[in-house]
Amino acid sequence: MSASKRKGTAAETAVVNWLREHGWPSAERRALAGNADRGDIAGIVGVVLEVKAKKEMDLSGWVKEAETERRNDDADFGIVIAKKRGTTDVGEWYAVMPVEQLAALLDAAGYGNGGVA
């Protein structure tokens, strides 16, 4: 296994462990599926998580990948979890998603006015 693959696997495992410890006991790593990939983490209904542990940030590319995987999974939300350099605490890592999806997520959680301006 390449160093890059090992790093990615370790990051995905760390995210799964963090999710399980924080109320998502069904979180688990997904197997790669090529063009039909549905994200790195399963177990949160309606949500696709794409985990990245790269030195260089590529938010645009990563969000595009998460969006493709969201559509493949027919999920409501596609979120990139990007490892923060200098910490292994997943709670300090970054979550990135399109603002449109963020607004829908906040509305679904009861924050907001249902899209009424």
PDB file of N, CA and C in Angstrom:
ATOM      1  N   MET A   1       0.853  -1.177   0.000  1.00  0.00           N
ATOM      2  CA  MET A   1       0.000   0.000   0.000  1.00  0.00           C
ATOM      3  C   MET A   1       0.898   1.240   0.000  1.00  0.00           C
ATOM      4  N   SER A   2       0.558   2.215  -0.841  1.00  0.00           N
ATOM      5  CA  SER A   2       1.354   3.437  -0.942  1.00  0.00           C
ATOM      6  C   SER A   2       1.200   4.296   0.314  1.00  0.00           C
ATOM      7  N   ALA A   3       2.149   5.188   0.534  1.00  0.00           N
ATOM      8  CA  ALA A   3       2.096   6.090   1.693  1.00  0.00           C
ATOM      9  C   ALA A   3       0.841   6.954   1.635  1.00  0.00           C
ATOM     10  N   SER A   4       0.467   7.404   0.443  1.00  0.00           N
ATOM     11  CA  SER A   4      -0.728   8.229   0.276  1.00  0.00           C
ATOM     12  C   SER A   4      -1.991   7.458   0.650  1.00  0.00           C
ATOM     13  N   LYS A   5      -2.058   6.208   0.211  1.00  0.00           N
ATOM     14  CA  LYS A   5      -3.208   5.355   0.515  1.00  0.00           C
ATOM     15  C   LYS A   5      -3.285   5.073   2.018  1.00  0.00           C
ATOM     16  N   ARG A   6      -2.138   4.823   2.625  1.00  0.00           N
ATOM     17  CA  ARG A   6      -2.096   4.590   4.077  1.00  0.00           C
ATOM     18  C   ARG A   6      -2.604   5.817   4.835  1.00  0.00           C
ATOM     19  N   LYS A   7      -2.178   7.000   4.390  1.00  0.00           N
ATOM     20  CA  LYS A   7      -2.598   8.248   5.019  1.00  0.00           C
ATOM     21  C   LYS A   7      -4.115   8.428   4.902  1.00  0.00           C
ATOM     22  N   GLY A   8      -4.650   8.144   3.714  1.00  0.00           N
ATOM     23  CA  GLY A   8      -6.087   8.262   3.488  1.00  0.00           C
ATOM     24  C   GLY A   8      -6.879   7.276   4.332  1.00  0.00           C
ATOM     25  N   THR A   9      -6.405   6.034   4.395  1.00  0.00           N
ATOM     26  CA  THR A   9      -7.072   5.011   5.199  1.00  0.00           C
ATOM     27  C   THR A   9      -7.063   5.394   6.669  1.00  0.00           C
ATOM     28  N   ALA A  10      -5.934   5.899   7.154  1.00  0.00           N
ATOM     29  CA  ALA A  10      -5.830   6.322   8.558  1.00  0.00           C
ATOM     30  C   ALA A  10      -6.793   7.471   8.849  1.00  0.00           C
ATOM     31  N   ALA A  11      -6.905   8.427   7.930  1.00  0.00           N
ATOM     32  CA  ALA A  11      -7.815   9.561   8.121  1.00  0.00           C
ATOM     33  C   ALA A  11      -9.266   9.093   8.129  1.00  0.00           C
ATOM     34  N   GLU A  12      -9.632   8.219   7.198  1.00  0.00           N
ATOM     35  CA  GLU A  12     -10.994   7.689   7.149  1.00  0.00           C
ATOM     36  C   GLU A  12     -11.327   6.933   8.435  1.00  0.00           C
ATOM     37  N   THR A  13     -10.394   6.129   8.903  1.00  0.00           N
ATOM     38  CA  THR A  13     -10.601   5.376  10.143  1.00  0.00           C
ATOM     39  C   THR A  13     -10.763   6.319  11.327  1.00  0.00           C
ATOM     40  N   ALA A  14      -9.969   7.372  11.370  1.00  0.00           N
ATOM     41  CA  ALA A  14     -10.082   8.360  12.450  1.00  0.00           C
ATOM     42  C   ALA A  14     -11.448   9.036  12.428  1.00  0.00           C
ATOM     43  N   VAL A  15     -11.950   9.360  11.239  1.00  0.00           N
ATOM     44  CA  VAL A  15     -13.269   9.989  11.132  1.00  0.00           C
ATOM     45  C   VAL A  15     -14.355   9.016  11.594  1.00  0.00           C
ATOM     46  N   VAL A  16     -14.282   7.771  11.163  1.00  0.00           N
ATOM     47  CA  VAL A  16     -15.262   6.765  11.588  1.00  0.00           C
ATOM     48  C   VAL A  16     -15.253   6.635  13.111  1.00  0.00           C
ATOM     49  N   ASN A  17     -14.077   6.510  13.699  1.00  0.00           N
ATOM     50  CA  ASN A  17     -13.984   6.369  15.160  1.00  0.00           C
ATOM     51  C   ASN A  17     -14.568   7.596  15.859  1.00  0.00           C
ATOM     52  N   TRP A  18     -14.275   8.784  15.351  1.00  0.00           N
ATOM     53  CA  TRP A  18     -14.796  10.016  15.952  1.00  0.00           C
ATOM     54  C   TRP A  18     -16.318  10.043  15.856  1.00  0.00           C
ATOM     55  N   LEU A  19     -16.852   9.709  14.691  1.00  0.00           N
ATOM     56  CA  LEU A  19     -18.304   9.700  14.521  1.00  0.00           C
ATOM     57  C   LEU A  19     -18.967   8.716  15.476  1.00  0.00           C
ATOM     58  N   ARG A  20     -18.402   7.528  15.583  1.00  0.00           N
ATOM     59  CA  ARG A  20     -18.972   6.516  16.488  1.00  0.00           C
ATOM     60  C   ARG A  20     -18.965   7.003  17.942  1.00  0.00           C
ATOM     61  N   GLU A  21     -17.898   7.679  18.332  1.00  0.00           N
ATOM     62  CA  GLU A  21     -17.784   8.195  19.702  1.00  0.00           C
ATOM     63  C   GLU A  21     -18.721   9.376  19.959  1.00  0.00           C
ATOM     64  N   HIS A  22     -19.228   9.983  18.885  1.00  0.00           N
ATOM     65  CA  HIS A  22     -20.050  11.189  19.020  1.00  0.00           C
ATOM     66  C   HIS A  22     -21.483  10.999  18.515  1.00  0.00           C
ATOM     67  N   GLY A  23     -21.967   9.768  18.550  1.00  0.00           N
ATOM     68  CA  GLY A  23     -23.386   9.552  18.310  1.00  0.00           C
ATOM     69  C   GLY A  23     -23.800   8.949  16.985  1.00  0.00           C
ATOM     70  N   TRP A  24     -22.850   8.507  16.162  1.00  0.00           N
ATOM     71  CA  TRP A  24     -23.189   7.845  14.897  1.00  0.00           C
ATOM     72  C   TRP A  24     -22.579   6.436  14.915  1.00  0.00           C
ATOM     73  N   PRO A  25     -23.201   5.517  15.654  1.00  0.00           N
ATOM     74  CA  PRO A  25     -22.628   4.179  15.824  1.00  0.00           C
ATOM     75  C   PRO A  25     -22.577   3.359  14.539  1.00  0.00           C
ATOM     76  N   SER A  26     -23.332   3.744  13.523  1.00  0.00           N
ATOM     77  CA  SER A  26     -23.355   2.985  12.266  1.00  0.00           C
ATOM     78  C   SER A  26     -22.307   3.458  11.262  1.00  0.00           C
ATOM     79  N   ALA A  27     -21.528   4.467  11.613  1.00  0.00           N
ATOM     80  CA  ALA A  27     -20.506   4.977  10.691  1.00  0.00           C
ATOM     81  C   ALA A  27     -19.507   3.872  10.362  1.00  0.00           C
ATOM     82  N   GLU A  28     -19.163   3.780   9.058  1.00  0.00           N
ATOM     83  CA  GLU A  28     -18.176   2.792   8.621  1.00  0.00           C
ATOM     84  C   GLU A  28     -17.553   3.237   7.312  1.00  0.00           C
ATOM     85  N   ARG A  29     -16.358   2.727   7.060  1.00  0.00           N
ATOM     86  CA  ARG A  29     -15.677   3.025   5.805  1.00  0.00           C
ATOM     87  C   ARG A  29     -16.361   2.274   4.672  1.00  0.00           C
ATOM     88  N   ARG A  30     -16.409   2.921   3.518  1.00  0.00           N
ATOM     89  CA  ARG A  30     -16.972   2.285   2.316  1.00  0.00           C
ATOM     90  C   ARG A  30     -15.851   1.780   1.430  1.00  0.00           C
ATOM     91  N   ALA A  31     -16.152   0.744   0.682  1.00  0.00           N
ATOM     92  CA  ALA A  31     -15.206   0.243  -0.319  1.00  0.00           C
ATOM     93  C   ALA A  31     -15.246   1.164  -1.536  1.00  0.00           C
ATOM     94  N   LEU A  32     -14.122   1.283  -2.217  1.00  0.00           N
ATOM     95  CA  LEU A  32     -14.070   2.078  -3.443  1.00  0.00           C
ATOM     96  C   LEU A  32     -14.964   1.440  -4.498  1.00  0.00           C
ATOM     97  N   ALA A  33     -15.595   2.304  -5.311  1.00  0.00           N
ATOM     98  CA  ALA A  33     -16.506   1.783  -6.336  1.00  0.00           C
ATOM     99  C   ALA A  33     -16.311   2.459  -7.684  1.00  0.00           C
ATOM    100  N   GLY A  34     -15.119   3.008  -7.941  1.00  0.00           N
ATOM    101  CA  GLY A  34     -14.839   3.623  -9.237  1.00  0.00           C
ATOM    102  C   GLY A  34     -15.786   4.750  -9.551  1.00  0.00           C
ATOM    103  N   ASN A  35     -16.371   4.726 -10.780  1.00  0.00           N
ATOM    104  CA  ASN A  35     -17.293   5.778 -11.222  1.00  0.00           C
ATOM    105  C   ASN A  35     -18.542   5.867 -10.356  1.00  0.00           C
ATOM    106  N   ALA A  36     -18.897   4.778  -9.709  1.00  0.00           N
ATOM    107  CA  ALA A  36     -20.116   4.741  -8.892  1.00  0.00           C
ATOM    108  C   ALA A  36     -19.815   4.979  -7.409  1.00  0.00           C
ATOM    109  N   ASP A  37     -18.627   5.533  -7.110  1.00  0.00           N
ATOM    110  CA  ASP A  37     -18.228   5.777  -5.729  1.00  0.00           C
ATOM    111  C   ASP A  37     -19.282   6.626  -5.018  1.00  0.00           C
ATOM    112  N   ARG A  38     -19.546   6.285  -3.756  1.00  0.00           N
ATOM    113  CA  ARG A  38     -20.571   6.977  -2.977  1.00  0.00           C
ATOM    114  C   ARG A  38     -19.990   7.574  -1.704  1.00  0.00           C
ATOM    115  N   GLY A  39     -18.725   8.002  -1.772  1.00  0.00           N
ATOM    116  CA  GLY A  39     -18.079   8.620  -0.628  1.00  0.00           C
ATOM    117  C   GLY A  39     -17.264   7.627   0.171  1.00  0.00           C
ATOM    118  N   ASP A  40     -16.556   8.164   1.168  1.00  0.00           N
ATOM    119  CA  ASP A  40     -15.653   7.347   1.963  1.00  0.00           C
ATOM    120  C   ASP A  40     -16.308   6.740   3.203  1.00  0.00           C
ATOM    121  N   ILE A  41     -17.326   7.436   3.733  1.00  0.00           N
ATOM    122  CA  ILE A  41     -17.944   7.021   4.987  1.00  0.00           C
ATOM    123  C   ILE A  41     -19.438   6.803   4.777  1.00  0.00           C
ATOM    124  N   ALA A  42     -19.933   5.665   5.225  1.00  0.00           N
ATOM    125  CA  ALA A  42     -21.367   5.347   5.198  1.00  0.00           C
ATOM    126  C   ALA A  42     -21.889   5.347   6.631  1.00  0.00           C
ATOM    127  N   GLY A  43     -23.213   5.303   6.765  1.00  0.00           N
ATOM    128  CA  GLY A  43     -23.811   5.144   8.075  1.00  0.00           C
ATOM    129  C   GLY A  43     -24.552   6.363   8.595  1.00  0.00           C
ATOM    130  N   ILE A  44     -24.566   7.433   7.817  1.00  0.00           N
ATOM    131  CA  ILE A  44     -25.369   8.605   8.161  1.00  0.00           C
ATOM    132  C   ILE A  44     -26.329   8.789   6.985  1.00  0.00           C
ATOM    133  N   VAL A  45     -27.584   8.433   7.192  1.00  0.00           N
ATOM    134  CA  VAL A  45     -28.569   8.443   6.115  1.00  0.00           C
ATOM    135  C   VAL A  45     -28.669   9.838   5.495  1.00  0.00           C
ATOM    136  N   GLY A  46     -28.575   9.868   4.156  1.00  0.00           N
ATOM    137  CA  GLY A  46     -28.724  11.122   3.427  1.00  0.00           C
ATOM    138  C   GLY A  46     -27.468  11.959   3.344  1.00  0.00           C
ATOM    139  N   VAL A  47     -26.360  11.455   3.869  1.00  0.00           N
ATOM    140  CA  VAL A  47     -25.113  12.221   3.904  1.00  0.00           C
ATOM    141  C   VAL A  47     -23.970  11.397   3.317  1.00  0.00           C
ATOM    142  N   VAL A  48     -23.217  12.017   2.424  1.00  0.00           N
ATOM    143  CA  VAL A  48     -22.000  11.431   1.877  1.00  0.00           C
ATOM    144  C   VAL A  48     -20.822  12.202   2.461  1.00  0.00           C
ATOM    145  N   LEU A  49     -19.866  11.490   3.020  1.00  0.00           N
ATOM    146  CA  LEU A  49     -18.654  12.112   3.548  1.00  0.00           C
ATOM    147  C   LEU A  49     -17.460  11.673   2.710  1.00  0.00           C
ATOM    148  N   GLU A  50     -16.723  12.646   2.231  1.00  0.00           N
ATOM    149  CA  GLU A  50     -15.495  12.420   1.478  1.00  0.00           C
ATOM    150  C   GLU A  50     -14.348  12.928   2.350  1.00  0.00           C
ATOM    151  N   VAL A  51     -13.427  12.045   2.736  1.00  0.00           N
ATOM    152  CA  VAL A  51     -12.351  12.396   3.657  1.00  0.00           C
ATOM    153  C   VAL A  51     -11.070  12.654   2.873  1.00  0.00           C
ATOM    154  N   LYS A  52     -10.392  13.756   3.215  1.00  0.00           N
ATOM    155  CA  LYS A  52      -9.141  14.115   2.559  1.00  0.00           C
ATOM    156  C   LYS A  52      -8.066  14.391   3.595  1.00  0.00           C
ATOM    157  N   ALA A  53      -6.877  13.853   3.363  1.00  0.00           N
ATOM    158  CA  ALA A  53      -5.725  14.072   4.236  1.00  0.00           C
ATOM    159  C   ALA A  53      -4.531  14.436   3.358  1.00  0.00           C
ATOM    160  N   LYS A  54      -4.662  15.537   2.658  1.00  0.00           N
ATOM    161  CA  LYS A  54      -3.642  15.962   1.693  1.00  0.00           C
ATOM    162  C   LYS A  54      -2.899  17.180   2.209  1.00  0.00           C
ATOM    163  N   LYS A  55      -1.658  17.322   1.794  1.00  0.00           N
ATOM    164  CA  LYS A  55      -0.851  18.478   2.175  1.00  0.00           C
ATOM    165  C   LYS A  55      -1.398  19.745   1.529  1.00  0.00           C
ATOM    166  N   GLU A  56      -1.746  19.643   0.259  1.00  0.00           N
ATOM    167  CA  GLU A  56      -2.278  20.790  -0.489  1.00  0.00           C
ATOM    168  C   GLU A  56      -3.795  20.715  -0.540  1.00  0.00           C
ATOM    169  N   MET A  57      -4.450  21.823  -0.240  1.00  0.00           N
ATOM    170  CA  MET A  57      -5.914  21.889  -0.288  1.00  0.00           C
ATOM    171  C   MET A  57      -6.379  22.061  -1.738  1.00  0.00           C
ATOM    172  N   ASP A  58      -7.426  21.355  -2.100  1.00  0.00           N
ATOM    173  CA  ASP A  58      -8.076  21.488  -3.409  1.00  0.00           C
ATOM    174  C   ASP A  58      -9.583  21.491  -3.169  1.00  0.00           C
ATOM    175  N   LEU A  59     -10.063  22.513  -2.473  1.00  0.00           N
ATOM    176  CA  LEU A  59     -11.473  22.541  -2.075  1.00  0.00           C
ATOM    177  C   LEU A  59     -12.407  22.392  -3.259  1.00  0.00           C
ATOM    178  N   SER A  60     -12.136  23.097  -4.335  1.00  0.00           N
ATOM    179  CA  SER A  60     -13.011  23.026  -5.510  1.00  0.00           C
ATOM    180  C   SER A  60     -13.094  21.604  -6.056  1.00  0.00           C
ATOM    181  N   GLY A  61     -11.962  20.966  -6.228  1.00  0.00           N
ATOM    182  CA  GLY A  61     -11.939  19.596  -6.737  1.00  0.00           C
ATOM    183  C   GLY A  61     -12.573  18.615  -5.770  1.00  0.00           C
ATOM    184  N   TRP A  62     -12.309  18.802  -4.484  1.00  0.00           N
ATOM    185  CA  TRP A  62     -12.855  17.892  -3.485  1.00  0.00           C
ATOM    186  C   TRP A  62     -14.373  18.022  -3.376  1.00  0.00           C
ATOM    187  N   VAL A  63     -14.868  19.263  -3.414  1.00  0.00           N
ATOM    188  CA  VAL A  63     -16.321  19.470  -3.341  1.00  0.00           C
ATOM    189  C   VAL A  63     -16.985  18.906  -4.592  1.00  0.00           C
ATOM    190  N   LYS A  64     -16.351  19.068  -5.741  1.00  0.00           N
ATOM    191  CA  LYS A  64     -16.883  18.492  -6.978  1.00  0.00           C
ATOM    192  C   LYS A  64     -16.963  16.969  -6.861  1.00  0.00           C
ATOM    193  N   GLU A  65     -15.930  16.351  -6.307  1.00  0.00           N
ATOM    194  CA  GLU A  65     -15.925  14.902  -6.101  1.00  0.00           C
ATOM    195  C   GLU A  65     -17.042  14.489  -5.144  1.00  0.00           C
ATOM    196  N   ALA A  66     -17.183  15.217  -4.036  1.00  0.00           N
ATOM    197  CA  ALA A  66     -18.232  14.904  -3.062  1.00  0.00           C
ATOM    198  C   ALA A  66     -19.619  15.058  -3.688  1.00  0.00           C
ATOM    199  N   GLU A  67     -19.778  16.041  -4.570  1.00  0.00           N
ATOM    200  CA  GLU A  67     -21.076  16.253  -5.229  1.00  0.00           C
ATOM    201  C   GLU A  67     -21.397  15.083  -6.160  1.00  0.00           C
ATOM    202  N   THR A  68     -20.418  14.605  -6.901  1.00  0.00           N
ATOM    203  CA  THR A  68     -20.624  13.436  -7.765  1.00  0.00           C
ATOM    204  C   THR A  68     -21.018  12.229  -6.914  1.00  0.00           C
ATOM    205  N   GLU A  69     -20.332  12.038  -5.808  1.00  0.00           N
ATOM    206  CA  GLU A  69     -20.618  10.908  -4.929  1.00  0.00           C
ATOM    207  C   GLU A  69     -21.987  11.060  -4.263  1.00  0.00           C
ATOM    208  N   ARG A  70     -22.360  12.287  -3.939  1.00  0.00           N
ATOM    209  CA  ARG A  70     -23.685  12.557  -3.366  1.00  0.00           C
ATOM    210  C   ARG A  70     -24.769  12.133  -4.347  1.00  0.00           C
ATOM    211  N   ARG A  71     -24.597  12.500  -5.615  1.00  0.00           N
ATOM    212  CA  ARG A  71     -25.568  12.111  -6.644  1.00  0.00           C
ATOM    213  C   ARG A  71     -25.579  10.591  -6.818  1.00  0.00           C
ATOM    214  N   ASN A  72     -24.410   9.958  -6.824  1.00  0.00           N
ATOM    215  CA  ASN A  72     -24.338   8.494  -6.950  1.00  0.00           C
ATOM    216  C   ASN A  72     -25.095   7.798  -5.825  1.00  0.00           C
ATOM    217  N   ASP A  73     -25.087   8.394  -4.655  1.00  0.00           N
ATOM    218  CA  ASP A  73     -25.722   7.806  -3.473  1.00  0.00           C
ATOM    219  C   ASP A  73     -27.162   8.287  -3.305  1.00  0.00           C
ATOM    220  N   ASP A  74     -27.589   9.238  -4.135  1.00  0.00           N
ATOM    221  CA  ASP A  74     -28.909   9.866  -4.002  1.00  0.00           C
ATOM    222  C   ASP A  74     -29.080  10.447  -2.593  1.00  0.00           C
ATOM    223  N   ALA A  75     -27.999  11.042  -2.080  1.00  0.00           N
ATOM    224  CA  ALA A  75     -27.992  11.631  -0.741  1.00  0.00           C
ATOM    225  C   ALA A  75     -28.387  13.102  -0.815  1.00  0.00           C
ATOM    226  N   ASP A  76     -28.746  13.652   0.320  1.00  0.00           N
ATOM    227  CA  ASP A  76     -29.125  15.061   0.404  1.00  0.00           C
ATOM    228  C   ASP A  76     -27.915  15.983   0.497  1.00  0.00           C
ATOM    229  N   PHE A  77     -26.863  15.508   1.167  1.00  0.00           N
ATOM    230  CA  PHE A  77     -25.713  16.362   1.453  1.00  0.00           C
ATOM    231  C   PHE A  77     -24.409  15.647   1.134  1.00  0.00           C
ATOM    232  N   GLY A  78     -23.479  16.385   0.539  1.00  0.00           N
ATOM    233  CA  GLY A  78     -22.133  15.895   0.284  1.00  0.00           C
ATOM    234  C   GLY A  78     -21.155  16.794   1.010  1.00  0.00           C
ATOM    235  N   ILE A  79     -20.401  16.223   1.930  1.00  0.00           N
ATOM    236  CA  ILE A  79     -19.517  17.017   2.785  1.00  0.00           C
ATOM    237  C   ILE A  79     -18.095  16.468   2.704  1.00  0.00           C
ATOM    238  N   VAL A  80     -17.146  17.372   2.527  1.00  0.00           N
ATOM    239  CA  VAL A  80     -15.734  17.015   2.548  1.00  0.00           C
ATOM    240  C   VAL A  80     -15.230  17.216   3.973  1.00  0.00           C
ATOM    241  N   ILE A  81     -14.572  16.200   4.517  1.00  0.00           N
ATOM    242  CA  ILE A  81     -13.889  16.318   5.802  1.00  0.00           C
ATOM    243  C   ILE A  81     -12.397  16.382   5.467  1.00  0.00           C
ATOM    244  N   ALA A  82     -11.777  17.538   5.725  1.00  0.00           N
ATOM    245  CA  ALA A  82     -10.370  17.748   5.376  1.00  0.00           C
ATOM    246  C   ALA A  82      -9.528  17.799   6.649  1.00  0.00           C
ATOM    247  N   LYS A  83      -8.519  16.948   6.706  1.00  0.00           N
ATOM    248  CA  LYS A  83      -7.640  16.886   7.872  1.00  0.00           C
ATOM    249  C   LYS A  83      -6.929  18.223   8.057  1.00  0.00           C
ATOM    250  N   LYS A  84      -6.928  18.677   9.288  1.00  0.00           N
ATOM    251  CA  LYS A  84      -6.211  19.897   9.646  1.00  0.00           C
ATOM    252  C   LYS A  84      -4.777  19.516   9.990  1.00  0.00           C
ATOM    253  N   ARG A  85      -3.842  20.121   9.310  1.00  0.00           N
ATOM    254  CA  ARG A  85      -2.434  19.818   9.574  1.00  0.00           C
ATOM    255  C   ARG A  85      -2.095  20.155  11.022  1.00  0.00           C
ATOM    256  N   GLY A  86      -1.332  19.283  11.632  1.00  0.00           N
ATOM    257  CA  GLY A  86      -0.856  19.527  12.979  1.00  0.00           C
ATOM    258  C   GLY A  86      -1.740  18.967  14.078  1.00  0.00           C
ATOM    259  N   THR A  87      -2.852  18.309  13.707  1.00  0.00           N
ATOM    260  CA  THR A  87      -3.691  17.712  14.739  1.00  0.00           C
ATOM    261  C   THR A  87      -4.310  16.414  14.252  1.00  0.00           C
ATOM    262  N   THR A  88      -4.424  15.477  15.158  1.00  0.00           N
ATOM    263  CA  THR A  88      -5.122  14.225  14.856  1.00  0.00           C
ATOM    264  C   THR A  88      -6.538  14.259  15.410  1.00  0.00           C
ATOM    265  N   ASP A  89      -6.923  15.355  16.077  1.00  0.00           N
ATOM    266  CA  ASP A  89      -8.261  15.500  16.651  1.00  0.00           C
ATOM    267  C   ASP A  89      -9.254  15.818  15.536  1.00  0.00           C
ATOM    268  N   VAL A  90     -10.022  14.813  15.142  1.00  0.00           N
ATOM    269  CA  VAL A  90     -10.973  14.981  14.033  1.00  0.00           C
ATOM    270  C   VAL A  90     -11.958  16.117  14.304  1.00  0.00           C
ATOM    271  N   GLY A  91     -12.280  16.360  15.552  1.00  0.00           N
ATOM    272  CA  GLY A  91     -13.180  17.452  15.903  1.00  0.00           C
ATOM    273  C   GLY A  91     -12.656  18.821  15.501  1.00  0.00           C
ATOM    274  N   GLU A  92     -11.365  18.932  15.239  1.00  0.00           N
ATOM    275  CA  GLU A  92     -10.755  20.189  14.799  1.00  0.00           C
ATOM    276  C   GLU A  92     -10.545  20.244  13.283  1.00  0.00           C
ATOM    277  N   TRP A  93     -10.835  19.158  12.583  1.00  0.00           N
ATOM    278  CA  TRP A  93     -10.664  19.155  11.136  1.00  0.00           C
ATOM    279  C   TRP A  93     -11.736  20.024  10.492  1.00  0.00           C
ATOM    280  N   TYR A  94     -11.680  20.190   9.181  1.00  0.00           N
ATOM    281  CA  TYR A  94     -12.586  21.077   8.465  1.00  0.00           C
ATOM    282  C   TYR A  94     -13.695  20.293   7.762  1.00  0.00           C
ATOM    283  N   ALA A  95     -14.895  20.846   7.782  1.00  0.00           N
ATOM    284  CA  ALA A  95     -16.022  20.311   7.016  1.00  0.00           C
ATOM    285  C   ALA A  95     -16.371  21.344   5.966  1.00  0.00           C
ATOM    286  N   VAL A  96     -16.410  20.918   4.700  1.00  0.00           N
ATOM    287  CA  VAL A  96     -16.629  21.838   3.581  1.00  0.00           C
ATOM    288  C   VAL A  96     -17.773  21.324   2.732  1.00  0.00           C
ATOM    289  N   MET A  97     -18.702  22.226   2.405  1.00  0.00           N
ATOM    290  CA  MET A  97     -19.835  21.873   1.553  1.00  0.00           C
ATOM    291  C   MET A  97     -20.325  23.128   0.857  1.00  0.00           C
ATOM    292  N   PRO A  98     -21.076  22.979  -0.245  1.00  0.00           N
ATOM    293  CA  PRO A  98     -21.638  24.153  -0.907  1.00  0.00           C
ATOM    294  C   PRO A  98     -22.617  24.881   0.029  1.00  0.00           C
ATOM    295  N   VAL A  99     -22.633  26.189  -0.036  1.00  0.00           N
ATOM    296  CA  VAL A  99     -23.503  26.995   0.825  1.00  0.00           C
ATOM    297  C   VAL A  99     -24.968  26.624   0.627  1.00  0.00           C
ATOM    298  N   GLU A 100     -25.367  26.298  -0.593  1.00  0.00           N
ATOM    299  CA  GLU A 100     -26.749  25.904  -0.858  1.00  0.00           C
ATOM    300  C   GLU A 100     -27.136  24.680  -0.011  1.00  0.00           C
ATOM    301  N   GLN A 101     -26.229  23.701   0.068  1.00  0.00           N
ATOM    302  CA  GLN A 101     -26.494  22.522   0.893  1.00  0.00           C
ATOM    303  C   GLN A 101     -26.456  22.876   2.377  1.00  0.00           C
ATOM    304  N   LEU A 102     -25.555  23.767   2.760  1.00  0.00           N
ATOM    305  CA  LEU A 102     -25.502  24.205   4.151  1.00  0.00           C
ATOM    306  C   LEU A 102     -26.827  24.845   4.562  1.00  0.00           C
ATOM    307  N   ALA A 103     -27.360  25.712   3.700  1.00  0.00           N
ATOM    308  CA  ALA A 103     -28.638  26.364   3.993  1.00  0.00           C
ATOM    309  C   ALA A 103     -29.754  25.327   4.145  1.00  0.00           C
ATOM    310  N   ALA A 104     -29.772  24.322   3.266  1.00  0.00           N
ATOM    311  CA  ALA A 104     -30.789  23.266   3.346  1.00  0.00           C
ATOM    312  C   ALA A 104     -30.618  22.457   4.630  1.00  0.00           C
ATOM    313  N   LEU A 105     -29.371  22.164   5.005  1.00  0.00           N
ATOM    314  CA  LEU A 105     -29.095  21.416   6.229  1.00  0.00           C
ATOM    315  C   LEU A 105     -29.552  22.212   7.461  1.00  0.00           C
ATOM    316  N   LEU A 106     -29.217  23.494   7.494  1.00  0.00           N
ATOM    317  CA  LEU A 106     -29.640  24.326   8.612  1.00  0.00           C
ATOM    318  C   LEU A 106     -31.140  24.442   8.685  1.00  0.00           C
ATOM    319  N   ASP A 107     -31.783  24.578   7.534  1.00  0.00           N
ATOM    320  CA  ASP A 107     -33.247  24.660   7.500  1.00  0.00           C
ATOM    321  C   ASP A 107     -33.872  23.359   8.009  1.00  0.00           C
ATOM    322  N   ALA A 108     -33.330  22.220   7.550  1.00  0.00           N
ATOM    323  CA  ALA A 108     -33.852  20.923   7.991  1.00  0.00           C
ATOM    324  C   ALA A 108     -33.655  20.722   9.500  1.00  0.00           C
ATOM    325  N   ALA A 109     -32.627  21.345  10.050  1.00  0.00           N
ATOM    326  CA  ALA A 109     -32.344  21.214  11.482  1.00  0.00           C
ATOM    327  C   ALA A 109     -33.146  22.215  12.320  1.00  0.00           C
ATOM    328  N   GLY A 110     -33.947  23.038  11.634  1.00  0.00           N
ATOM    329  CA  GLY A 110     -34.793  23.975  12.362  1.00  0.00           C
ATOM    330  C   GLY A 110     -34.224  25.375  12.530  1.00  0.00           C
ATOM    331  N   TYR A 111     -33.080  25.626  11.916  1.00  0.00           N
ATOM    332  CA  TYR A 111     -32.481  26.953  11.959  1.00  0.00           C
ATOM    333  C   TYR A 111     -32.859  27.661  10.656  1.00  0.00           C
ATOM    334  N   GLY A 112     -33.512  28.754  10.744  1.00  0.00           N
ATOM    335  CA  GLY A 112     -33.868  29.482   9.532  1.00  0.00           C
ATOM    336  C   GLY A 112     -35.353  29.637   9.402  1.00  0.00           C
ATOM    337  N   ASN A 113     -35.741  30.069   8.205  1.00  0.00           N
ATOM    338  CA  ASN A 113     -37.144  30.404   7.964  1.00  0.00           C
ATOM    339  C   ASN A 113     -37.725  29.658   6.784  1.00  0.00           C
ATOM    340  N   GLY A 114     -37.205  28.496   6.505  1.00  0.00           N
ATOM    341  CA  GLY A 114     -37.745  27.685   5.424  1.00  0.00           C
ATOM    342  C   GLY A 114     -37.476  28.245   4.041  1.00  0.00           C
ATOM    343  N   GLY A 115     -36.426  29.030   3.912  1.00  0.00           N
ATOM    344  CA  GLY A 115     -36.095  29.600   2.603  1.00  0.00           C
ATOM    345  C   GLY A 115     -36.859  30.859   2.265  1.00  0.00           C
ATOM    346  N   VAL A 116     -37.628  31.371   3.210  1.00  0.00           N
ATOM    347  CA  VAL A 116     -38.386  32.604   2.978  1.00  0.00           C
ATOM    348  C   VAL A 116     -37.515  33.781   3.337  1.00  0.00           C
ATOM    349  N   ALA A 117     -37.371  34.700   2.401  1.00  0.00           N
ATOM    350  CA  ALA A 117     -36.525  35.886   2.645  1.00  0.00           C
ATOM    351  C   ALA A 117     -37.252  36.922   3.468  1.00  0.00           C
TER     352      ALA A 117
END
